[in-house]
Amino acid sequence: HEQTRLIQKRSSASMAAFYLSLLTYLEIYPIVFMIPMILLLRSSVKSDNQKTSKALAFSGFFLLWTCTLQFLSCLLVGPNNLKSIWIQTYGYNYGLNLNSPNLNSQWYFSV
């Protein structure tokens, strides 16, 4: 019974990390939810040693899923096109596309 609960807790951390990495793969903004998710997972256990291992496990699962998604993307589009895909996906968020105003400047001038 205790072993089943442990597997369920690990799979919940893995699934939470998967969904967060999937959202982060599409847009960079959901990365801010990583800290509340770690705090929520840490609050489910009592000892400090388990809290640290929970946070490290979630971070590890997040990195694993993020790298897996990027690797699958590289396989699908090819290594030569990966840079252009990254610029199209994340470039606007970081302001790399300087030809058009980004959302921050539009918000600033509309207010």
Protein backbone atom coordinates (compact mmCIF):
# COMPACT_ATOMS: atom_id res chain seq x y z
CA HIS A 1 0.00 0.00 0.00
CA GLU A 2 2.81 2.43 0.89
CA GLN A 3 4.70 1.52 -2.29
CA THR A 4 1.62 2.29 -4.41
CA ARG A 5 1.30 5.74 -2.82
CA LEU A 6 4.97 6.43 -3.51
CA ILE A 7 4.55 5.50 -7.19
CA GLN A 8 1.47 7.73 -7.45
CA LYS A 9 3.33 10.68 -5.93
CA ARG A 10 6.27 10.22 -8.30
CA SER A 11 4.01 9.94 -11.30
CA SER A 12 2.13 13.08 -10.29
CA ALA A 13 5.42 15.00 -10.15
CA SER A 14 6.40 13.55 -13.52
CA MET A 15 3.06 14.41 -15.12
CA ALA A 16 3.08 17.94 -13.66
CA ALA A 17 6.59 18.43 -15.03
CA PHE A 18 5.49 17.04 -18.40
CA TYR A 19 2.55 19.43 -18.71
CA LEU A 20 4.66 22.39 -17.59
CA SER A 21 7.40 21.53 -20.08
CA LEU A 22 4.79 21.10 -22.82
CA LEU A 23 3.39 24.55 -22.12
CA THR A 24 6.87 26.00 -21.89
CA TYR A 25 7.71 24.38 -25.22
CA LEU A 26 4.84 26.29 -26.84
CA GLU A 27 5.49 29.59 -25.00
CA ILE A 28 8.09 30.63 -22.47
CA TYR A 29 5.71 32.37 -20.07
CA PRO A 30 4.40 29.29 -18.17
CA ILE A 31 7.88 28.76 -16.69
CA VAL A 32 6.78 31.09 -13.86
CA PHE A 33 4.49 28.29 -12.64
CA MET A 34 7.48 26.12 -11.79
CA ILE A 35 8.01 27.72 -8.38
CA PRO A 36 4.37 27.31 -7.20
CA MET A 37 4.36 23.72 -8.44
CA ILE A 38 7.52 22.92 -6.49
CA LEU A 39 6.04 24.55 -3.39
CA LEU A 40 2.83 22.58 -3.81
CA LEU A 41 4.69 19.30 -4.20
CA ARG A 42 6.90 20.12 -1.20
CA SER A 43 3.86 20.80 0.98
CA SER A 44 2.59 17.25 0.40
CA VAL A 45 5.45 15.70 2.43
CA LYS A 46 6.51 16.27 6.01
CA SER A 47 10.26 15.69 6.36
CA ASP A 48 12.84 18.17 5.06
CA ASN A 49 14.80 15.45 3.29
CA GLN A 50 11.72 14.42 1.29
CA LYS A 51 10.94 18.06 0.50
CA THR A 52 14.36 18.53 -1.05
CA SER A 53 14.13 15.29 -3.00
CA LYS A 54 10.64 16.27 -4.25
CA ALA A 55 11.92 19.61 -5.54
CA LEU A 56 14.93 17.98 -7.20
CA ALA A 57 12.78 15.24 -8.73
CA PHE A 58 10.35 17.77 -10.19
CA SER A 59 13.21 19.88 -11.57
CA GLY A 60 14.84 16.79 -13.02
CA PHE A 61 11.62 15.61 -14.63
CA PHE A 62 11.08 19.11 -16.04
CA LEU A 63 14.55 19.17 -17.60
CA LEU A 64 14.10 15.63 -18.91
CA TRP A 65 10.77 16.41 -20.58
CA THR A 66 12.00 19.74 -21.95
CA CYS A 67 15.09 18.15 -23.49
CA THR A 68 12.97 15.31 -24.88
CA LEU A 69 10.57 17.75 -26.55
CA GLN A 70 13.44 19.76 -28.03
CA PHE A 71 15.09 16.56 -29.27
CA LEU A 72 11.84 15.39 -30.90
CA SER A 73 11.51 18.80 -32.50
CA CYS A 74 15.03 18.50 -33.84
CA LEU A 75 14.20 15.08 -35.29
CA LEU A 76 11.04 16.39 -36.95
CA VAL A 77 12.38 19.59 -38.53
CA GLY A 78 16.04 18.69 -38.84
CA PRO A 79 19.02 20.33 -37.17
CA ASN A 80 19.39 22.90 -39.96
CA ASN A 81 15.88 24.30 -39.47
CA LEU A 82 15.85 24.15 -35.66
CA LYS A 83 17.32 27.63 -35.23
CA SER A 84 14.64 29.21 -37.40
CA ILE A 85 11.94 27.33 -35.49
CA TRP A 86 13.34 28.62 -32.18
CA ILE A 87 13.41 32.18 -33.50
CA GLN A 88 9.82 31.88 -34.72
CA THR A 89 8.65 30.34 -31.44
CA TYR A 90 10.66 32.21 -28.81
CA GLY A 91 12.05 35.18 -30.75
CA TYR A 92 8.97 37.35 -30.39
CA ASN A 93 8.87 36.77 -26.64
CA TYR A 94 12.45 37.91 -26.22
CA GLY A 95 12.14 40.83 -28.62
CA LEU A 96 14.49 39.38 -31.22
CA ASN A 97 12.14 40.36 -34.01
CA LEU A 98 12.93 44.06 -34.11
CA ASN A 99 10.93 44.83 -37.24
CA SER A 100 7.61 44.96 -35.42
CA PRO A 101 6.75 46.29 -31.96
CA ASN A 102 6.36 43.71 -29.25
CA LEU A 103 3.46 43.41 -26.83
CA ASN A 104 5.26 45.40 -24.11
CA SER A 105 5.71 48.47 -26.30
CA GLN A 106 2.14 48.22 -27.59
CA TRP A 107 0.86 48.08 -24.03
CA TYR A 108 3.05 51.02 -23.00
CA PHE A 109 1.88 53.27 -25.83
CA SER A 110 -1.80 52.32 -25.50
CA VAL A 111 -1.89 53.26 -21.81
